Amino acid sequence: MANRILRSRWLWLATIVVFVLLILFLDRNSYMDRREVKEEIEKLEAQRDYYLDRIREDSTVIEKLKDNQYLEQYAREHFLMKRDSDVVYVLENPVRVD
């Protein structure tokens, strides 16, 4: 009688282990696949947030560029443009070789 109960418990345990392994690794919606998809979603959401921030920054710059005075300042700072009477000096950081 005890042997029969013990065999029954081992059978249930083996069945449960096989079922859990099937669900975790071999199923179409397995835990591994869901984890990979979740990581991909997190990465894409981070990219979306980055690009939304860039869009906000660029939108403010575009609004400011509608002002001629800011447009001239922006052109001087970013494109090294100058008036005929101006002299522009470009300073670069020296490269350190250790």
PDB file of N, CA and C in Angstrom:
ATOM      1  N   MET A   1       0.813  -1.193   0.000  1.00  0.00           N
ATOM      2  CA  MET A   1       0.000   0.000   0.000  1.00  0.00           C
ATOM      3  C   MET A   1       0.861   1.263   0.000  1.00  0.00           C
ATOM      4  N   ALA A   2       1.901   1.307   0.853  1.00  0.00           N
ATOM      5  CA  ALA A   2       2.779   2.465   0.919  1.00  0.00           C
ATOM      6  C   ALA A   2       3.550   2.626  -0.380  1.00  0.00           C
ATOM      7  N   ASN A   3       3.940   1.492  -0.982  1.00  0.00           N
ATOM      8  CA  ASN A   3       4.673   1.528  -2.244  1.00  0.00           C
ATOM      9  C   ASN A   3       3.805   2.119  -3.357  1.00  0.00           C
ATOM     10  N   ARG A   4       2.526   1.763  -3.334  1.00  0.00           N
ATOM     11  CA  ARG A   4       1.597   2.262  -4.348  1.00  0.00           C
ATOM     12  C   ARG A   4       1.396   3.780  -4.203  1.00  0.00           C
ATOM     13  N   ILE A   5       1.290   4.262  -2.981  1.00  0.00           N
ATOM     14  CA  ILE A   5       1.130   5.689  -2.725  1.00  0.00           C
ATOM     15  C   ILE A   5       2.391   6.437  -3.141  1.00  0.00           C
ATOM     16  N   LEU A   6       3.554   5.870  -2.837  1.00  0.00           N
ATOM     17  CA  LEU A   6       4.824   6.495  -3.191  1.00  0.00           C
ATOM     18  C   LEU A   6       4.964   6.609  -4.704  1.00  0.00           C
ATOM     19  N   ARG A   7       4.579   5.525  -5.414  1.00  0.00           N
ATOM     20  CA  ARG A   7       4.631   5.571  -6.874  1.00  0.00           C
ATOM     21  C   ARG A   7       3.672   6.617  -7.428  1.00  0.00           C
ATOM     22  N   SER A   8       2.541   6.744  -6.817  1.00  0.00           N
ATOM     23  CA  SER A   8       1.550   7.718  -7.250  1.00  0.00           C
ATOM     24  C   SER A   8       2.087   9.141  -7.065  1.00  0.00           C
ATOM     25  N   ARG A   9       2.766   9.389  -5.943  1.00  0.00           N
ATOM     26  CA  ARG A   9       3.338  10.704  -5.708  1.00  0.00           C
ATOM     27  C   ARG A   9       4.433  11.017  -6.724  1.00  0.00           C
ATOM     28  N   TRP A  10       5.294  10.044  -7.015  1.00  0.00           N
ATOM     29  CA  TRP A  10       6.355  10.259  -7.996  1.00  0.00           C
ATOM     30  C   TRP A  10       5.774  10.512  -9.381  1.00  0.00           C
ATOM     31  N   LEU A  11       4.682   9.820  -9.691  1.00  0.00           N
ATOM     32  CA  LEU A  11       4.035  10.033 -10.981  1.00  0.00           C
ATOM     33  C   LEU A  11       3.483  11.453 -11.074  1.00  0.00           C
ATOM     34  N   TRP A  12       2.831  11.920 -10.043  1.00  0.00           N
ATOM     35  CA  TRP A  12       2.318  13.280 -10.026  1.00  0.00           C
ATOM     36  C   TRP A  12       3.456  14.296 -10.109  1.00  0.00           C
ATOM     37  N   LEU A  13       4.499  14.054  -9.344  1.00  0.00           N
ATOM     38  CA  LEU A  13       5.643  14.967  -9.361  1.00  0.00           C
ATOM     39  C   LEU A  13       6.279  15.022 -10.747  1.00  0.00           C
ATOM     40  N   ALA A  14       6.465  13.860 -11.374  1.00  0.00           N
ATOM     41  CA  ALA A  14       7.051  13.824 -12.719  1.00  0.00           C
ATOM     42  C   ALA A  14       6.145  14.529 -13.724  1.00  0.00           C
ATOM     43  N   THR A  15       4.840  14.334 -13.597  1.00  0.00           N
ATOM     44  CA  THR A  15       3.893  14.979 -14.501  1.00  0.00           C
ATOM     45  C   THR A  15       3.947  16.500 -14.349  1.00  0.00           C
ATOM     46  N   ILE A  16       3.999  16.967 -13.115  1.00  0.00           N
ATOM     47  CA  ILE A  16       4.067  18.404 -12.867  1.00  0.00           C
ATOM     48  C   ILE A  16       5.364  18.987 -13.401  1.00  0.00           C
ATOM     49  N   VAL A  17       6.479  18.299 -13.199  1.00  0.00           N
ATOM     50  CA  VAL A  17       7.769  18.788 -13.689  1.00  0.00           C
ATOM     51  C   VAL A  17       7.761  18.871 -15.208  1.00  0.00           C
ATOM     52  N   VAL A  18       7.255  17.855 -15.873  1.00  0.00           N
ATOM     53  CA  VAL A  18       7.194  17.860 -17.336  1.00  0.00           C
ATOM     54  C   VAL A  18       6.295  19.002 -17.815  1.00  0.00           C
ATOM     55  N   PHE A  19       5.165  19.179 -17.173  1.00  0.00           N
ATOM     56  CA  PHE A  19       4.252  20.248 -17.546  1.00  0.00           C
ATOM     57  C   PHE A  19       4.899  21.623 -17.382  1.00  0.00           C
ATOM     58  N   VAL A  20       5.597  21.848 -16.276  1.00  0.00           N
ATOM     59  CA  VAL A  20       6.270  23.131 -16.040  1.00  0.00           C
ATOM     60  C   VAL A  20       7.363  23.358 -17.081  1.00  0.00           C
ATOM     61  N   LEU A  21       8.131  22.324 -17.399  1.00  0.00           N
ATOM     62  CA  LEU A  21       9.176  22.462 -18.418  1.00  0.00           C
ATOM     63  C   LEU A  21       8.579  22.795 -19.784  1.00  0.00           C
ATOM     64  N   LEU A  22       7.463  22.162 -20.108  1.00  0.00           N
ATOM     65  CA  LEU A  22       6.806  22.471 -21.378  1.00  0.00           C
ATOM     66  C   LEU A  22       6.374  23.932 -21.429  1.00  0.00           C
ATOM     67  N   ILE A  23       5.799  24.392 -20.346  1.00  0.00           N
ATOM     68  CA  ILE A  23       5.321  25.774 -20.326  1.00  0.00           C
ATOM     69  C   ILE A  23       6.488  26.761 -20.357  1.00  0.00           C
ATOM     70  N   LEU A  24       7.535  26.490 -19.605  1.00  0.00           N
ATOM     71  CA  LEU A  24       8.643  27.440 -19.515  1.00  0.00           C
ATOM     72  C   LEU A  24       9.463  27.526 -20.794  1.00  0.00           C
ATOM     73  N   PHE A  25       9.700  26.423 -21.461  1.00  0.00           N
ATOM     74  CA  PHE A  25      10.676  26.434 -22.552  1.00  0.00           C
ATOM     75  C   PHE A  25      10.130  26.056 -23.926  1.00  0.00           C
ATOM     76  N   LEU A  26       9.173  25.160 -23.996  1.00  0.00           N
ATOM     77  CA  LEU A  26       8.794  24.621 -25.302  1.00  0.00           C
ATOM     78  C   LEU A  26       7.493  25.184 -25.870  1.00  0.00           C
ATOM     79  N   ASP A  27       6.721  25.846 -25.067  1.00  0.00           N
ATOM     80  CA  ASP A  27       5.453  26.384 -25.524  1.00  0.00           C
ATOM     81  C   ASP A  27       5.680  27.580 -26.446  1.00  0.00           C
ATOM     82  N   ARG A  28       4.725  27.867 -27.297  1.00  0.00           N
ATOM     83  CA  ARG A  28       4.836  28.999 -28.203  1.00  0.00           C
ATOM     84  C   ARG A  28       4.897  30.312 -27.445  1.00  0.00           C
ATOM     85  N   ASN A  29       4.211  30.398 -26.322  1.00  0.00           N
ATOM     86  CA  ASN A  29       4.228  31.580 -25.468  1.00  0.00           C
ATOM     87  C   ASN A  29       5.082  31.303 -24.230  1.00  0.00           C
ATOM     88  N   SER A  30       6.241  30.765 -24.438  1.00  0.00           N
ATOM     89  CA  SER A  30       7.076  30.358 -23.316  1.00  0.00           C
ATOM     90  C   SER A  30       7.595  31.555 -22.536  1.00  0.00           C
ATOM     91  N   TYR A  31       8.075  31.277 -21.354  1.00  0.00           N
ATOM     92  CA  TYR A  31       8.628  32.323 -20.489  1.00  0.00           C
ATOM     93  C   TYR A  31       9.814  32.994 -21.158  1.00  0.00           C
ATOM     94  N   MET A  32      10.658  32.222 -21.815  1.00  0.00           N
ATOM     95  CA  MET A  32      11.843  32.772 -22.477  1.00  0.00           C
ATOM     96  C   MET A  32      11.442  33.758 -23.576  1.00  0.00           C
ATOM     97  N   ASP A  33      10.454  33.378 -24.378  1.00  0.00           N
ATOM     98  CA  ASP A  33      10.001  34.277 -25.448  1.00  0.00           C
ATOM     99  C   ASP A  33       9.396  35.549 -24.874  1.00  0.00           C
ATOM    100  N   ARG A  34       8.611  35.406 -23.828  1.00  0.00           N
ATOM    101  CA  ARG A  34       7.986  36.580 -23.212  1.00  0.00           C
ATOM    102  C   ARG A  34       9.034  37.518 -22.628  1.00  0.00           C
ATOM    103  N   ARG A  35      10.090  36.952 -22.043  1.00  0.00           N
ATOM    104  CA  ARG A  35      11.151  37.782 -21.476  1.00  0.00           C
ATOM    105  C   ARG A  35      11.875  38.563 -22.565  1.00  0.00           C
ATOM    106  N   GLU A  36      12.164  37.909 -23.688  1.00  0.00           N
ATOM    107  CA  GLU A  36      12.824  38.593 -24.801  1.00  0.00           C
ATOM    108  C   GLU A  36      11.953  39.711 -25.361  1.00  0.00           C
ATOM    109  N   VAL A  37      10.666  39.442 -25.494  1.00  0.00           N
ATOM    110  CA  VAL A  37       9.748  40.451 -26.013  1.00  0.00           C
ATOM    111  C   VAL A  37       9.655  41.627 -25.039  1.00  0.00           C
ATOM    112  N   LYS A  38       9.625  41.344 -23.746  1.00  0.00           N
ATOM    113  CA  LYS A  38       9.551  42.413 -22.749  1.00  0.00           C
ATOM    114  C   LYS A  38      10.795  43.289 -22.804  1.00  0.00           C
ATOM    115  N   GLU A  39      11.975  42.676 -22.953  1.00  0.00           N
ATOM    116  CA  GLU A  39      13.210  43.447 -23.065  1.00  0.00           C
ATOM    117  C   GLU A  39      13.195  44.319 -24.313  1.00  0.00           C
ATOM    118  N   GLU A  40      12.698  43.786 -25.411  1.00  0.00           N
ATOM    119  CA  GLU A  40      12.610  44.553 -26.659  1.00  0.00           C
ATOM    120  C   GLU A  40      11.652  45.738 -26.497  1.00  0.00           C
ATOM    121  N   ILE A  41      10.533  45.507 -25.822  1.00  0.00           N
ATOM    122  CA  ILE A  41       9.568  46.583 -25.592  1.00  0.00           C
ATOM    123  C   ILE A  41      10.192  47.683 -24.750  1.00  0.00           C
ATOM    124  N   GLU A  42      10.923  47.312 -23.698  1.00  0.00           N
ATOM    125  CA  GLU A  42      11.570  48.311 -22.845  1.00  0.00           C
ATOM    126  C   GLU A  42      12.593  49.132 -23.634  1.00  0.00           C
ATOM    127  N   LYS A  43      13.346  48.458 -24.500  1.00  0.00           N
ATOM    128  CA  LYS A  43      14.328  49.158 -25.317  1.00  0.00           C
ATOM    129  C   LYS A  43      13.643  50.134 -26.278  1.00  0.00           C
ATOM    130  N   LEU A  44      12.563  49.707 -26.901  1.00  0.00           N
ATOM    131  CA  LEU A  44      11.846  50.562 -27.837  1.00  0.00           C
ATOM    132  C   LEU A  44      11.176  51.738 -27.126  1.00  0.00           C
ATOM    133  N   GLU A  45      10.681  51.520 -25.918  1.00  0.00           N
ATOM    134  CA  GLU A  45      10.085  52.625 -25.167  1.00  0.00           C
ATOM    135  C   GLU A  45      11.142  53.654 -24.780  1.00  0.00           C
ATOM    136  N   ALA A  46      12.342  53.196 -24.448  1.00  0.00           N
ATOM    137  CA  ALA A  46      13.424  54.127 -24.132  1.00  0.00           C
ATOM    138  C   ALA A  46      13.798  54.947 -25.371  1.00  0.00           C
ATOM    139  N   GLN A  47      13.844  54.304 -26.535  1.00  0.00           N
ATOM    140  CA  GLN A  47      14.126  55.020 -27.774  1.00  0.00           C
ATOM    141  C   GLN A  47      13.027  56.037 -28.074  1.00  0.00           C
ATOM    142  N   ARG A  48      11.772  55.640 -27.854  1.00  0.00           N
ATOM    143  CA  ARG A  48      10.659  56.553 -28.095  1.00  0.00           C
ATOM    144  C   ARG A  48      10.776  57.790 -27.207  1.00  0.00           C
ATOM    145  N   ASP A  49      11.086  57.593 -25.938  1.00  0.00           N
ATOM    146  CA  ASP A  49      11.240  58.720 -25.021  1.00  0.00           C
ATOM    147  C   ASP A  49      12.382  59.633 -25.460  1.00  0.00           C
ATOM    148  N   TYR A  50      13.489  59.035 -25.899  1.00  0.00           N
ATOM    149  CA  TYR A  50      14.622  59.819 -26.374  1.00  0.00           C
ATOM    150  C   TYR A  50      14.221  60.683 -27.568  1.00  0.00           C
ATOM    151  N   TYR A  51      13.540  60.076 -28.531  1.00  0.00           N
ATOM    152  CA  TYR A  51      13.170  60.825 -29.727  1.00  0.00           C
ATOM    153  C   TYR A  51      12.087  61.865 -29.439  1.00  0.00           C
ATOM    154  N   LEU A  52      11.198  61.602 -28.500  1.00  0.00           N
ATOM    155  CA  LEU A  52      10.215  62.617 -28.128  1.00  0.00           C
ATOM    156  C   LEU A  52      10.907  63.817 -27.487  1.00  0.00           C
ATOM    157  N   ASP A  53      11.913  63.569 -26.664  1.00  0.00           N
ATOM    158  CA  ASP A  53      12.678  64.675 -26.088  1.00  0.00           C
ATOM    159  C   ASP A  53      13.395  65.471 -27.170  1.00  0.00           C
ATOM    160  N   ARG A  54      13.982  64.770 -28.122  1.00  0.00           N
ATOM    161  CA  ARG A  54      14.662  65.459 -29.228  1.00  0.00           C
ATOM    162  C   ARG A  54      13.683  66.300 -30.036  1.00  0.00           C
ATOM    163  N   ILE A  55      12.488  65.775 -30.261  1.00  0.00           N
ATOM    164  CA  ILE A  55      11.472  66.522 -31.007  1.00  0.00           C
ATOM    165  C   ILE A  55      11.100  67.792 -30.250  1.00  0.00           C
ATOM    166  N   ARG A  56      10.930  67.697 -28.924  1.00  0.00           N
ATOM    167  CA  ARG A  56      10.603  68.880 -28.130  1.00  0.00           C
ATOM    168  C   ARG A  56      11.720  69.911 -28.208  1.00  0.00           C
ATOM    169  N   GLU A  57      12.967  69.457 -28.081  1.00  0.00           N
ATOM    170  CA  GLU A  57      14.107  70.381 -28.156  1.00  0.00           C
ATOM    171  C   GLU A  57      14.178  71.046 -29.525  1.00  0.00           C
ATOM    172  N   ASP A  58      14.045  70.260 -30.577  1.00  0.00           N
ATOM    173  CA  ASP A  58      14.121  70.813 -31.928  1.00  0.00           C
ATOM    174  C   ASP A  58      12.953  71.750 -32.222  1.00  0.00           C
ATOM    175  N   SER A  59      11.789  71.458 -31.673  1.00  0.00           N
ATOM    176  CA  SER A  59      10.640  72.342 -31.879  1.00  0.00           C
ATOM    177  C   SER A  59      10.878  73.701 -31.250  1.00  0.00           C
ATOM    178  N   THR A  60      11.493  73.715 -30.060  1.00  0.00           N
ATOM    179  CA  THR A  60      11.776  75.008 -29.436  1.00  0.00           C
ATOM    180  C   THR A  60      12.820  75.774 -30.240  1.00  0.00           C
ATOM    181  N   VAL A  61      13.811  75.084 -30.790  1.00  0.00           N
ATOM    182  CA  VAL A  61      14.824  75.753 -31.612  1.00  0.00           C
ATOM    183  C   VAL A  61      14.182  76.305 -32.879  1.00  0.00           C
ATOM    184  N   ILE A  62      13.285  75.550 -33.472  1.00  0.00           N
ATOM    185  CA  ILE A  62      12.611  76.015 -34.689  1.00  0.00           C
ATOM    186  C   ILE A  62      11.794  77.270 -34.399  1.00  0.00           C
ATOM    187  N   GLU A  63      11.096  77.284 -33.267  1.00  0.00           N
ATOM    188  CA  GLU A  63      10.321  78.471 -32.891  1.00  0.00           C
ATOM    189  C   GLU A  63      11.244  79.676 -32.694  1.00  0.00           C
ATOM    190  N   LYS A  64      12.396  79.462 -32.052  1.00  0.00           N
ATOM    191  CA  LYS A  64      13.331  80.560 -31.821  1.00  0.00           C
ATOM    192  C   LYS A  64      13.953  81.041 -33.126  1.00  0.00           C
ATOM    193  N   LEU A  65      14.150  80.146 -34.090  1.00  0.00           N
ATOM    194  CA  LEU A  65      14.775  80.528 -35.359  1.00  0.00           C
ATOM    195  C   LEU A  65      13.894  81.444 -36.205  1.00  0.00           C
ATOM    196  N   LYS A  66      12.644  81.569 -35.842  1.00  0.00           N
ATOM    197  CA  LYS A  66      11.772  82.487 -36.570  1.00  0.00           C
ATOM    198  C   LYS A  66      12.134  83.938 -36.289  1.00  0.00           C
ATOM    199  N   ASP A  67      12.856  84.178 -35.216  1.00  0.00           N
ATOM    200  CA  ASP A  67      13.345  85.517 -34.879  1.00  0.00           C
ATOM    201  C   ASP A  67      14.677  85.729 -35.598  1.00  0.00           C
ATOM    202  N   ASN A  68      14.796  86.818 -36.368  1.00  0.00           N
ATOM    203  CA  ASN A  68      16.004  87.060 -37.167  1.00  0.00           C
ATOM    204  C   ASN A  68      17.260  87.221 -36.319  1.00  0.00           C
ATOM    205  N   GLN A  69      17.126  87.847 -35.164  1.00  0.00           N
ATOM    206  CA  GLN A  69      18.291  88.049 -34.313  1.00  0.00           C
ATOM    207  C   GLN A  69      18.815  86.700 -33.793  1.00  0.00           C
ATOM    208  N   TYR A  70      17.918  85.832 -33.383  1.00  0.00           N
ATOM    209  CA  TYR A  70      18.349  84.504 -32.919  1.00  0.00           C
ATOM    210  C   TYR A  70      18.894  83.676 -34.083  1.00  0.00           C
ATOM    211  N   LEU A  71      18.311  83.838 -35.258  1.00  0.00           N
ATOM    212  CA  LEU A  71      18.786  83.124 -36.439  1.00  0.00           C
ATOM    213  C   LEU A  71      20.232  83.489 -36.743  1.00  0.00           C
ATOM    214  N   GLU A  72      20.538  84.771 -36.659  1.00  0.00           N
ATOM    215  CA  GLU A  72      21.916  85.205 -36.889  1.00  0.00           C
ATOM    216  C   GLU A  72      22.854  84.639 -35.816  1.00  0.00           C
ATOM    217  N   GLN A  73      22.435  84.690 -34.568  1.00  0.00           N
ATOM    218  CA  GLN A  73      23.261  84.152 -33.477  1.00  0.00           C
ATOM    219  C   GLN A  73      23.492  82.653 -33.657  1.00  0.00           C
ATOM    220  N   TYR A  74      22.460  81.934 -34.037  1.00  0.00           N
ATOM    221  CA  TYR A  74      22.568  80.488 -34.238  1.00  0.00           C
ATOM    222  C   TYR A  74      23.531  80.164 -35.391  1.00  0.00           C
ATOM    223  N   ALA A  75      23.418  80.930 -36.470  1.00  0.00           N
ATOM    224  CA  ALA A  75      24.297  80.711 -37.627  1.00  0.00           C
ATOM    225  C   ALA A  75      25.746  80.990 -37.258  1.00  0.00           C
ATOM    226  N   ARG A  76      25.981  82.011 -36.463  1.00  0.00           N
ATOM    227  CA  ARG A  76      27.354  82.329 -36.047  1.00  0.00           C
ATOM    228  C   ARG A  76      27.927  81.230 -35.151  1.00  0.00           C
ATOM    229  N   GLU A  77      27.121  80.709 -34.237  1.00  0.00           N
ATOM    230  CA  GLU A  77      27.619  79.725 -33.281  1.00  0.00           C
ATOM    231  C   GLU A  77      27.804  78.348 -33.902  1.00  0.00           C
ATOM    232  N   HIS A  78      26.882  77.937 -34.730  1.00  0.00           N
ATOM    233  CA  HIS A  78      26.911  76.559 -35.218  1.00  0.00           C
ATOM    234  C   HIS A  78      27.560  76.386 -36.591  1.00  0.00           C
ATOM    235  N   PHE A  79      27.528  77.400 -37.417  1.00  0.00           N
ATOM    236  CA  PHE A  79      28.045  77.256 -38.773  1.00  0.00           C
ATOM    237  C   PHE A  79      29.232  78.169 -39.049  1.00  0.00           C
ATOM    238  N   LEU A  80      29.743  78.819 -38.007  1.00  0.00           N
ATOM    239  CA  LEU A  80      30.909  79.698 -38.111  1.00  0.00           C
ATOM    240  C   LEU A  80      30.732  80.780 -39.167  1.00  0.00           C
ATOM    241  N   MET A  81      29.518  81.274 -39.296  1.00  0.00           N
ATOM    242  CA  MET A  81      29.264  82.363 -40.235  1.00  0.00           C
ATOM    243  C   MET A  81      29.668  83.677 -39.577  1.00  0.00           C
ATOM    244  N   LYS A  82      29.984  84.647 -40.411  1.00  0.00           N
ATOM    245  CA  LYS A  82      30.451  85.923 -39.875  1.00  0.00           C
ATOM    246  C   LYS A  82      30.044  87.053 -40.812  1.00  0.00           C
ATOM    247  N   ARG A  83      30.122  88.247 -40.259  1.00  0.00           N
ATOM    248  CA  ARG A  83      29.925  89.436 -41.085  1.00  0.00           C
ATOM    249  C   ARG A  83      31.248  89.742 -41.765  1.00  0.00           C
ATOM    250  N   ASP A  84      31.221  90.617 -42.726  1.00  0.00           N
ATOM    251  CA  ASP A  84      32.453  90.965 -43.444  1.00  0.00           C
ATOM    252  C   ASP A  84      33.487  91.606 -42.519  1.00  0.00           C
ATOM    253  N   SER A  85      33.045  92.308 -41.519  1.00  0.00           N
ATOM    254  CA  SER A  85      33.983  93.005 -40.644  1.00  0.00           C
ATOM    255  C   SER A  85      34.441  92.145 -39.462  1.00  0.00           C
ATOM    256  N   ASP A  86      33.901  90.931 -39.310  1.00  0.00           N
ATOM    257  CA  ASP A  86      34.252  90.075 -38.174  1.00  0.00           C
ATOM    258  C   ASP A  86      35.435  89.181 -38.503  1.00  0.00           C
ATOM    259  N   VAL A  87      36.161  88.787 -37.470  1.00  0.00           N
ATOM    260  CA  VAL A  87      37.222  87.783 -37.580  1.00  0.00           C
ATOM    261  C   VAL A  87      36.844  86.643 -36.653  1.00  0.00           C
ATOM    262  N   VAL A  88      36.880  85.421 -37.163  1.00  0.00           N
ATOM    263  CA  VAL A  88      36.479  84.263 -36.369  1.00  0.00           C
ATOM    264  C   VAL A  88      37.713  83.433 -36.059  1.00  0.00           C
ATOM    265  N   TYR A  89      37.896  83.128 -34.785  1.00  0.00           N
ATOM    266  CA  TYR A  89      38.973  82.251 -34.344  1.00  0.00           C
ATOM    267  C   TYR A  89      38.351  80.955 -33.862  1.00  0.00           C
ATOM    268  N   VAL A  90      38.806  79.847 -34.406  1.00  0.00           N
ATOM    269  CA  VAL A  90      38.301  78.546 -33.994  1.00  0.00           C
ATOM    270  C   VAL A  90      39.346  77.907 -33.088  1.00  0.00           C
ATOM    271  N   LEU A  91      38.942  77.615 -31.861  1.00  0.00           N
ATOM    272  CA  LEU A  91      39.836  77.000 -30.888  1.00  0.00           C
ATOM    273  C   LEU A  91      39.445  75.544 -30.716  1.00  0.00           C
ATOM    274  N   GLU A  92      40.407  74.672 -30.869  1.00  0.00           N
ATOM    275  CA  GLU A  92      40.143  73.247 -30.698  1.00  0.00           C
ATOM    276  C   GLU A  92      40.852  72.771 -29.449  1.00  0.00           C
ATOM    277  N   ASN A  93      40.284  71.778 -28.825  1.00  0.00           N
ATOM    278  CA  ASN A  93      40.935  71.192 -27.651  1.00  0.00           C
ATOM    279  C   ASN A  93      42.124  70.355 -28.101  1.00  0.00           C
ATOM    280  N   PRO A  94      43.286  70.524 -27.478  1.00  0.00           N
ATOM    281  CA  PRO A  94      44.442  69.727 -27.889  1.00  0.00           C
ATOM    282  C   PRO A  94      44.237  68.258 -27.501  1.00  0.00           C
ATOM    283  N   VAL A  95      44.778  67.382 -28.312  1.00  0.00           N
ATOM    284  CA  VAL A  95      44.690  65.958 -28.057  1.00  0.00           C
ATOM    285  C   VAL A  95      45.861  65.536 -27.188  1.00  0.00           C
ATOM    286  N   ARG A  96      45.541  64.900 -26.051  1.00  0.00           N
ATOM    287  CA  ARG A  96      46.594  64.424 -25.145  1.00  0.00           C
ATOM    288  C   ARG A  96      47.010  63.027 -25.523  1.00  0.00           C
ATOM    289  N   VAL A  97      48.289  62.832 -25.647  1.00  0.00           N
ATOM    290  CA  VAL A  97      48.828  61.497 -25.934  1.00  0.00           C
ATOM    291  C   VAL A  97      49.605  61.080 -24.693  1.00  0.00           C
ATOM    292  N   ASP A  98      49.108  60.054 -24.042  1.00  0.00           N
ATOM    293  CA  ASP A  98      49.793  59.576 -22.818  1.00  0.00           C
ATOM    294  C   ASP A  98      50.734  58.441 -23.139  1.00  0.00           C
TER     295      ASP A  98
END
